[in-house]
Protein backbone atom coordinates (compact mmCIF):
# COMPACT_ATOMS: atom_id res chain seq x y z
CA MET A 1 -13.29 3.08 -3.02
CA PRO A 2 -12.11 1.99 -6.43
CA ALA A 3 -11.94 -1.76 -6.13
CA ASP A 4 -9.54 -2.25 -8.99
CA LEU A 5 -7.01 0.13 -7.45
CA TYR A 6 -7.36 -1.60 -4.06
CA THR A 7 -6.87 -4.97 -5.77
CA LYS A 8 -3.78 -3.74 -7.63
CA ILE A 9 -2.17 -2.38 -4.43
CA TYR A 10 -3.05 -5.51 -2.43
CA ASN A 11 -1.60 -7.74 -5.10
CA PHE A 12 1.59 -5.67 -5.23
CA LEU A 13 1.96 -5.86 -1.43
CA SER A 14 1.32 -9.59 -1.45
CA ASN A 15 3.61 -10.49 -4.35
CA ALA A 16 6.50 -7.99 -4.62
CA GLU A 17 9.87 -8.66 -3.09
CA GLU A 18 10.22 -7.15 0.38
CA GLU A 19 13.02 -4.77 -0.75
CA ASP A 20 10.66 -3.40 -3.45
CA ILE A 21 7.84 -2.54 -1.00
CA THR A 22 8.01 1.14 0.08
CA ALA A 23 5.49 3.88 0.47
CA GLY A 24 6.83 5.33 -2.79
CA SER A 25 6.32 2.13 -4.69
CA VAL A 26 2.79 1.73 -3.40
CA ILE A 27 1.96 5.31 -4.34
CA TYR A 28 3.37 4.65 -7.81
CA GLN A 29 0.82 1.88 -8.22
CA LYS A 30 -1.81 4.53 -7.76
CA ILE A 31 -0.26 6.99 -10.19
CA LYS A 32 -0.09 4.36 -12.94
CA LYS A 33 -3.68 3.33 -12.41
CA ASN A 34 -5.58 6.52 -11.47
CA PRO A 35 -3.75 9.90 -11.25
CA TRP A 36 -6.95 11.77 -10.29
CA ILE A 37 -7.77 10.05 -7.01
CA THR A 38 -7.83 12.32 -3.98
CA GLN A 39 -5.14 12.13 -1.35
CA ASN A 40 -7.50 11.03 1.39
CA GLU A 41 -9.04 8.34 -0.78
CA LEU A 42 -5.60 7.01 -1.70
CA LYS A 43 -4.50 6.89 1.92
CA SER A 44 -7.67 5.01 2.81
CA ILE A 45 -7.15 2.46 -0.02
CA ILE A 46 -3.54 1.93 0.98
CA GLU A 47 -4.40 1.51 4.64
CA TRP A 48 -7.03 -1.16 3.78
CA ALA A 49 -4.71 -2.97 1.43
CA VAL A 50 -1.85 -2.98 3.90
CA THR A 51 -4.10 -4.14 6.71
CA PHE A 52 -5.50 -7.07 4.73
CA ALA A 53 -2.10 -7.97 3.22
CA LYS A 54 -0.29 -8.05 6.59
CA ASN A 55 -2.97 -10.31 8.01
CA GLN A 56 -1.81 -12.94 5.53
CA TYR A 57 1.63 -13.15 7.15
CA GLU A 58 2.90 -14.29 10.51
CA ARG A 59 3.46 -11.46 12.98
CA GLY A 60 7.12 -10.69 13.13
CA SER A 61 7.94 -12.09 9.69
CA LEU A 62 9.96 -9.95 7.30
CA ARG A 63 6.92 -9.33 5.05
CA TYR A 64 4.74 -8.38 8.00
CA THR A 65 7.36 -5.94 9.30
CA THR A 66 7.85 -4.43 5.86
CA LEU A 67 4.15 -3.82 5.48
CA LEU A 68 3.90 -2.20 8.91
CA LYS A 69 6.57 0.34 7.87
CA ILE A 70 4.42 1.60 5.02
CA LEU A 71 1.47 2.85 7.06
CA PRO A 72 3.21 5.71 8.90
CA GLU A 73 5.03 6.77 5.74
CA VAL A 74 1.74 7.00 3.81
CA ARG A 75 -0.20 8.68 6.61
CA TYR A 76 2.17 11.57 6.80
CA GLN A 77 3.02 11.81 3.12
CA SER A 78 1.81 14.70 0.99
CA PHE A 79 1.11 13.76 -2.60
CA GLU A 80 0.88 17.28 -4.02
């Protein structure tokens, strides 16, 4: 797993405004950094980053809820 891409996505999830956090904006972080990553690897990186980022926030908080919405969007998204 490319650590620099994971770090970039994690930092985005931790620091961006809630209204800017969407599956599309997270995927865009990948496209800017590494357009050749496989779809499965990207999904794995995003899942790890979301999991660790949401653990930094209180359950039920706006940020936590926003992060939870990303996982199903990314899991069923096709990047082709």
